[in-house]
Amino acid sequence: MSKVKINNTDLEITRINLGGNVFGWTLDEAKSFEILDQFVAQGGNFIDTADTYPWWVNGTGGLSETIIGKWMNSRGNRKSLVIATKVGSQTKEHGFDISKKHILRSADESLQRLQTDYIDLYYTHFDDGKTPVEETLSAYDEIIKAGKVRYIAASNVSPERLVSSFEAAEKNSFPKYVALQPHYNMIERTKYEHEYAPLVEKYNLSVFPYYSLAAGFLTGKYRSEADFGKSVRGEGAKKYLNEKGFTVLGALDKVSVKHGASQATVALAWLLAQPHIGAPIASATSQSQLETLFAAIRLNLAKEDLVLLDKASE
């Protein structure tokens, strides 16, 4: 399977980023191993997790990294993978935190759980809004120089703090973010396209959107209140059951029928067709869901398809 480089790095990735939030949540260790095995068997190499996944289950998180670490150790495949994890999210024990003290401790804990010597891509998961960006970047500088992290990236960081981070990095010769992980999909476009896309262009960032399928809404399986029981994550799609949501689903249905592809595949293919998108993040709990993800890489949407989808989702 062809790969692309993350901008300003030597990391080569497949264009689907497997989400690890389900490991230890809706998938136990054995089922997680199955999905990970199937993902790499189909050519995938880019896996996304966080130090706090799934903290909503056990209060602290760590389960996802632990499962991925056990799997990599048992398969002996660490060198063929690109592993992204994150720091800064809240748990039941603490709030958002990107202080130097928290980052240095958390990085070591992630490395231990992942059973690896280095993290390929390390995200500021959530900004705490109070730690000076210089302090955060100095922590990253320290762990990069120590060989514990290769590159850094940003997720839930405001445009203003993102700009400040680049300015501080330039002034102090600190490492710079190479990628952005925003909330972006066919039905959630405005904030990313208006506030973040200009910065992505300016700083030449690779973009790895989360909630690529809008909590499952863009799969088309949630079309009424009664459908929310289909998944433990169903309630997350509830807010999209409105006029715009149904308009988007209608367009997805049309393009889906035309190409003989699922709505989820079309929604991911739309993302892949957008500027600067490296790889959408999406989780999978079955072989069929994995097939849906990889099908998006192979689906080339025609210009008229993109126009139809753009108009429905604008």
Protein backbone atom coordinates (compact mmCIF):
# COMPACT_ATOMS: atom_id res chain seq x y z
CA MET A 1 0.00 0.00 0.00
CA SER A 2 1.34 3.43 -0.93
CA LYS A 3 2.44 5.76 1.85
CA VAL A 4 2.76 9.52 2.29
CA LYS A 5 5.22 11.45 4.44
CA ILE A 6 4.15 13.52 7.39
CA ASN A 7 5.30 17.04 6.54
CA ASN A 8 8.66 18.10 7.98
CA THR A 9 9.47 14.52 9.07
CA ASP A 10 10.82 11.26 7.70
CA LEU A 11 7.75 9.35 8.91
CA GLU A 12 5.92 7.49 6.14
CA ILE A 13 2.31 6.56 6.87
CA THR A 14 -0.61 4.81 5.25
CA ARG A 15 -3.58 7.11 4.70
CA ILE A 16 -5.77 5.57 7.38
CA ASN A 17 -4.88 6.29 11.01
CA LEU A 18 -6.29 3.52 13.20
CA GLY A 19 -7.91 4.99 16.30
CA GLY A 20 -6.97 3.26 19.55
CA ASN A 21 -9.67 4.77 21.75
CA VAL A 22 -11.71 1.53 21.56
CA PHE A 23 -8.90 -0.65 22.94
CA GLY A 24 -9.82 -1.46 26.51
CA TRP A 25 -13.26 0.08 26.03
CA THR A 26 -15.48 -1.62 23.45
CA LEU A 27 -12.74 -4.12 22.60
CA ASP A 28 -10.99 -6.33 25.13
CA GLU A 29 -7.33 -7.24 24.75
CA ALA A 30 -7.91 -10.32 22.58
CA LYS A 31 -10.25 -8.51 20.18
CA SER A 32 -7.91 -5.53 20.07
CA PHE A 33 -5.07 -7.84 19.02
CA GLU A 34 -7.28 -9.21 16.23
CA ILE A 35 -8.05 -5.75 14.87
CA LEU A 36 -4.41 -4.67 15.08
CA ASP A 37 -3.28 -7.84 13.30
CA GLN A 38 -5.85 -7.31 10.55
CA PHE A 39 -4.89 -3.65 10.21
CA VAL A 40 -1.22 -4.38 9.56
CA ALA A 41 -2.06 -7.41 7.40
CA GLN A 42 -3.85 -5.03 5.03
CA GLY A 43 -0.85 -2.70 4.93
CA GLY A 44 -1.71 -0.25 7.71
CA ASN A 45 1.11 1.15 9.81
CA PHE A 46 -0.22 4.29 11.55
CA ILE A 47 -1.83 3.87 14.98
CA ASP A 48 -3.24 6.64 17.17
CA THR A 49 -3.79 6.47 20.92
CA ALA A 50 -3.49 8.64 24.04
CA ASP A 51 -2.12 8.20 27.54
CA THR A 52 -5.64 8.61 28.97
CA TYR A 53 -7.63 6.25 26.68
CA PRO A 54 -10.12 5.11 27.90
CA TRP A 55 -10.19 7.11 31.14
CA TRP A 56 -13.99 7.18 31.02
CA VAL A 57 -13.89 3.43 31.73
CA ASN A 58 -11.36 3.10 34.54
CA GLY A 59 -10.87 6.71 35.64
CA THR A 60 -7.22 6.99 34.63
CA GLY A 61 -6.80 5.56 31.15
CA GLY A 62 -3.65 3.73 30.09
CA LEU A 63 -5.45 0.63 28.87
CA SER A 64 -5.14 1.45 25.16
CA GLU A 65 -1.39 2.09 25.32
CA THR A 66 -0.91 -1.05 27.42
CA ILE A 67 -2.75 -3.21 24.89
CA ILE A 68 -0.85 -1.73 21.95
CA GLY A 69 2.42 -2.23 23.82
CA LYS A 70 1.68 -5.88 24.57
CA TRP A 71 0.67 -6.45 20.96
CA MET A 72 3.80 -4.82 19.51
CA ASN A 73 6.01 -6.76 21.89
CA SER A 74 4.36 -10.08 21.03
CA ARG A 75 4.54 -9.40 17.29
CA GLY A 76 8.01 -7.84 17.25
CA ASN A 77 6.86 -5.21 14.75
CA ARG A 78 7.61 -1.89 16.45
CA LYS A 79 10.04 -0.68 13.79
CA SER A 80 7.48 -1.05 10.99
CA LEU A 81 4.88 1.10 12.75
CA VAL A 82 4.27 4.80 13.30
CA ILE A 83 2.86 5.24 16.80
CA ALA A 84 1.15 8.45 17.85
CA THR A 85 0.11 9.10 21.43
CA LYS A 86 -0.87 12.17 23.40
CA VAL A 87 -0.47 14.04 26.66
CA GLY A 88 -2.51 16.65 28.49
CA SER A 89 -6.03 15.24 28.73
CA GLN A 90 -8.00 15.13 31.94
CA THR A 91 -8.83 12.02 33.96
CA LYS A 92 -10.83 11.52 37.12
CA GLU A 93 -7.59 12.19 38.99
CA HIS A 94 -6.51 15.46 37.37
CA GLY A 95 -7.55 18.17 34.94
CA PHE A 96 -5.96 19.20 31.64
CA ASP A 97 -2.23 19.58 32.15
CA ILE A 98 0.61 20.42 29.77
CA SER A 99 3.09 21.57 32.39
CA LYS A 100 6.67 20.45 31.98
CA LYS A 101 6.47 18.27 35.07
CA HIS A 102 3.37 16.46 33.78
CA ILE A 103 4.75 15.98 30.26
CA LEU A 104 8.08 14.55 31.43
CA ARG A 105 6.37 12.08 33.76
CA SER A 106 3.63 11.18 31.30
CA ALA A 107 6.04 10.54 28.43
CA ASP A 108 7.97 8.04 30.53
CA GLU A 109 4.74 6.34 31.61
CA SER A 110 3.56 6.10 27.99
CA LEU A 111 6.87 4.59 26.91
CA GLN A 112 6.58 2.00 29.66
CA ARG A 113 3.02 1.04 28.73
CA LEU A 114 3.86 0.96 25.02
CA GLN A 115 6.97 -1.13 25.74
CA THR A 116 9.02 1.01 23.40
CA ASP A 117 12.01 3.35 23.57
CA TYR A 118 10.47 6.10 21.47
CA ILE A 119 7.19 7.68 20.40
CA ASP A 120 7.00 8.70 16.75
CA LEU A 121 4.43 11.47 17.08
CA TYR A 122 3.58 13.03 20.45
CA TYR A 123 0.54 15.30 20.65
CA THR A 124 -0.50 18.09 22.93
CA HIS A 125 -3.90 16.44 23.41
CA PHE A 126 -5.66 19.31 25.20
CA ASP A 127 -4.33 22.73 26.09
CA ASP A 128 -4.74 23.60 29.76
CA GLY A 129 -4.93 27.28 28.84
CA LYS A 130 -2.49 28.37 31.54
CA THR A 131 0.92 26.75 31.07
CA PRO A 132 3.19 29.09 29.08
CA VAL A 133 3.79 27.65 25.62
CA GLU A 134 7.52 28.06 26.24
CA GLU A 135 7.31 25.68 29.19
CA THR A 136 5.43 23.06 27.19
CA LEU A 137 7.83 23.29 24.27
CA SER A 138 10.88 23.13 26.55
CA ALA A 139 9.54 19.81 27.87
CA TYR A 140 9.20 18.52 24.33
CA ASP A 141 12.69 19.78 23.53
CA GLU A 142 14.07 17.77 26.44
CA ILE A 143 12.37 14.48 25.54
CA ILE A 144 13.21 14.83 21.84
CA LYS A 145 16.88 15.39 22.65
CA ALA A 146 16.72 12.34 24.93
CA GLY A 147 15.44 10.24 22.03
CA LYS A 148 12.11 9.50 23.69
CA VAL A 149 10.01 11.37 21.11
CA ARG A 150 10.70 11.94 17.42
CA TYR A 151 8.20 14.67 16.50
CA ILE A 152 5.44 16.69 18.17
CA ALA A 153 1.96 17.65 17.06
CA ALA A 154 -1.12 19.48 18.37
CA SER A 155 -4.74 18.54 18.79
CA ASN A 156 -7.14 20.63 20.87
CA VAL A 157 -5.13 23.84 20.92
CA SER A 158 -6.71 27.20 20.06
CA PRO A 159 -5.55 29.01 16.91
CA GLU A 160 -4.08 31.76 19.10
CA ARG A 161 -2.06 29.36 21.23
CA LEU A 162 -0.98 27.47 18.13
CA VAL A 163 0.45 30.65 16.64
CA SER A 164 2.12 31.50 19.96
CA SER A 165 3.69 28.05 20.01
CA PHE A 166 5.25 28.51 16.60
CA GLU A 167 6.50 31.97 17.51
CA ALA A 168 8.02 30.66 20.75
CA ALA A 169 9.60 27.73 18.94
CA GLU A 170 11.18 30.07 16.39
CA LYS A 171 12.47 32.47 19.06
CA ASN A 172 13.86 29.81 21.40
CA SER A 173 14.92 27.13 18.90
CA PHE A 174 12.37 24.73 20.35
CA PRO A 175 10.83 21.91 18.28
CA LYS A 176 7.84 22.84 16.14
CA TYR A 177 4.57 21.01 15.70
CA VAL A 178 4.50 19.05 12.44
CA ALA A 179 0.86 18.01 12.43
CA LEU A 180 -2.60 18.97 13.62
CA GLN A 181 -5.34 16.65 14.82
CA PRO A 182 -8.58 18.66 14.60
CA HIS A 183 -12.27 17.84 14.93
CA TYR A 184 -13.14 17.75 11.23
CA ASN A 185 -15.54 15.80 9.08
CA MET A 186 -18.25 16.31 6.45
CA ILE A 187 -20.76 17.67 8.93
CA GLU A 188 -18.33 19.59 11.17
CA ARG A 189 -16.46 21.83 8.75
CA THR A 190 -16.75 25.47 9.80
CA LYS A 191 -14.29 25.76 12.67
CA TYR A 192 -11.49 23.84 11.00
CA GLU A 193 -11.88 25.40 7.55
CA HIS A 194 -12.21 28.98 8.82
CA GLU A 195 -9.90 29.03 11.84
CA TYR A 196 -7.33 26.27 11.37
CA ALA A 197 -6.89 25.67 7.64
CA PRO A 198 -5.07 29.01 7.12
CA LEU A 199 -2.59 28.04 9.88
CA VAL A 200 -2.18 24.57 8.41
CA GLU A 201 -1.22 26.25 5.14
CA LYS A 202 1.07 28.78 6.81
CA TYR A 203 2.99 26.25 8.89
CA ASN A 204 2.85 23.36 6.39
CA LEU A 205 1.16 20.95 8.78
CA SER A 206 -0.13 17.49 8.00
CA VAL A 207 -3.70 17.04 9.20
CA PHE A 208 -5.15 13.94 10.88
CA PRO A 209 -8.82 14.62 11.66
CA TYR A 210 -10.53 12.96 14.60
CA TYR A 211 -14.28 12.19 14.70
CA SER A 212 -13.84 11.54 10.98
CA LEU A 213 -17.24 9.83 10.89
CA ALA A 214 -18.98 12.20 13.35
CA ALA A 215 -19.39 9.63 16.14
CA GLY A 216 -20.70 7.15 13.56
CA PHE A 217 -23.39 9.45 12.12
CA LEU A 218 -21.71 9.50 8.69
CA THR A 219 -21.96 5.72 8.48
CA GLY A 220 -25.67 6.25 7.87
CA LYS A 221 -26.76 3.83 10.57
CA TYR A 222 -28.29 6.50 12.81
CA ARG A 223 -31.39 7.94 11.14
CA SER A 224 -33.82 8.06 14.07
CA GLU A 225 -33.81 8.14 17.86
CA ALA A 226 -34.49 4.40 17.85
CA ASP A 227 -31.15 3.78 16.11
CA PHE A 228 -29.00 5.09 18.95
CA GLY A 229 -29.18 1.76 20.73
CA LYS A 230 -27.19 0.15 17.93
CA SER A 231 -23.93 1.14 19.61
CA VAL A 232 -22.60 2.32 22.96
CA ARG A 233 -21.42 5.37 21.02
CA GLY A 234 -24.80 6.05 19.41
CA GLU A 235 -25.76 8.96 21.65
CA GLY A 236 -22.84 10.94 20.23
CA ALA A 237 -24.61 11.13 16.87
CA LYS A 238 -27.86 12.45 18.32
CA LYS A 239 -27.09 16.13 17.69
CA TYR A 240 -26.84 15.54 13.95
CA LEU A 241 -30.44 14.38 13.55
CA ASN A 242 -31.59 17.64 11.98
CA GLU A 243 -32.18 19.13 8.54
CA LYS A 244 -28.51 19.52 7.74
CA GLY A 245 -27.74 16.02 8.94
CA PHE A 246 -30.38 14.46 6.74
CA THR A 247 -29.19 16.56 3.77
CA VAL A 248 -25.67 15.25 4.26
CA LEU A 249 -26.91 11.66 4.54
CA GLY A 250 -28.94 12.11 1.36
CA ALA A 251 -25.83 13.18 -0.55
CA LEU A 252 -23.81 10.35 0.95
CA ASP A 253 -26.51 7.89 -0.06
CA LYS A 254 -26.40 9.08 -3.69
CA VAL A 255 -22.62 8.86 -3.99
CA SER A 256 -22.60 5.57 -2.10
CA VAL A 257 -25.01 3.97 -4.57
CA LYS A 258 -23.09 5.36 -7.54
CA HIS A 259 -19.80 3.80 -6.44
CA GLY A 260 -21.13 0.72 -4.69
CA ALA A 261 -19.43 1.87 -1.52
CA SER A 262 -20.64 2.39 2.03
CA GLN A 263 -21.52 5.85 3.31
CA ALA A 264 -18.60 5.65 5.73
CA THR A 265 -16.19 4.93 2.90
CA VAL A 266 -17.52 7.90 0.94
CA ALA A 267 -17.28 10.22 3.96
CA LEU A 268 -13.65 9.21 4.53
CA ALA A 269 -12.86 9.52 0.82
CA TRP A 270 -14.25 13.07 0.95
CA LEU A 271 -11.85 13.86 3.79
CA LEU A 272 -8.94 12.33 1.92
CA ALA A 273 -9.73 14.59 -1.04
CA GLN A 274 -9.40 17.76 1.06
CA PRO A 275 -6.17 19.82 1.11
CA HIS A 276 -3.48 18.88 3.65
CA ILE A 277 -5.31 15.80 4.96
CA GLY A 278 -2.77 13.08 5.64
CA ALA A 279 -4.94 10.35 7.16
CA PRO A 280 -8.34 10.46 8.86
CA ILE A 281 -8.46 8.82 12.28
CA ALA A 282 -11.08 6.11 12.56
CA SER A 283 -11.50 3.16 14.89
CA ALA A 284 -12.75 -0.29 13.94
CA THR A 285 -14.22 -3.11 15.99
CA SER A 286 -14.59 -5.70 13.23
CA GLN A 287 -12.99 -6.92 10.00
CA SER A 288 -15.85 -5.41 7.97
CA GLN A 289 -15.29 -2.00 9.53
CA LEU A 290 -11.60 -2.19 8.67
CA GLU A 291 -12.52 -3.01 5.08
CA THR A 292 -14.67 0.13 5.04
CA LEU A 293 -11.70 2.24 6.11
CA PHE A 294 -9.25 0.85 3.58
CA ALA A 295 -11.85 1.11 0.80
CA ALA A 296 -11.75 4.90 1.26
CA ILE A 297 -8.12 5.01 0.14
CA ARG A 298 -9.05 3.24 -3.09
CA LEU A 299 -12.16 5.33 -3.81
CA ASN A 300 -11.46 8.26 -6.13
CA LEU A 301 -14.43 10.59 -5.99
CA ALA A 302 -15.27 12.41 -9.22
CA LYS A 303 -15.47 16.20 -9.32
CA GLU A 304 -19.26 16.08 -9.45
CA ASP A 305 -19.29 13.80 -6.38
CA LEU A 306 -17.22 16.30 -4.42
CA VAL A 307 -19.39 19.20 -5.53
CA LEU A 308 -22.52 17.37 -4.41
CA LEU A 309 -21.01 16.45 -1.04
CA ASP A 310 -19.59 19.95 -0.51
CA LYS A 311 -22.91 21.62 -1.22
CA ALA A 312 -24.84 19.29 1.09
CA SER A 313 -22.39 19.78 3.95
CA GLU A 314 -21.54 23.49 3.65
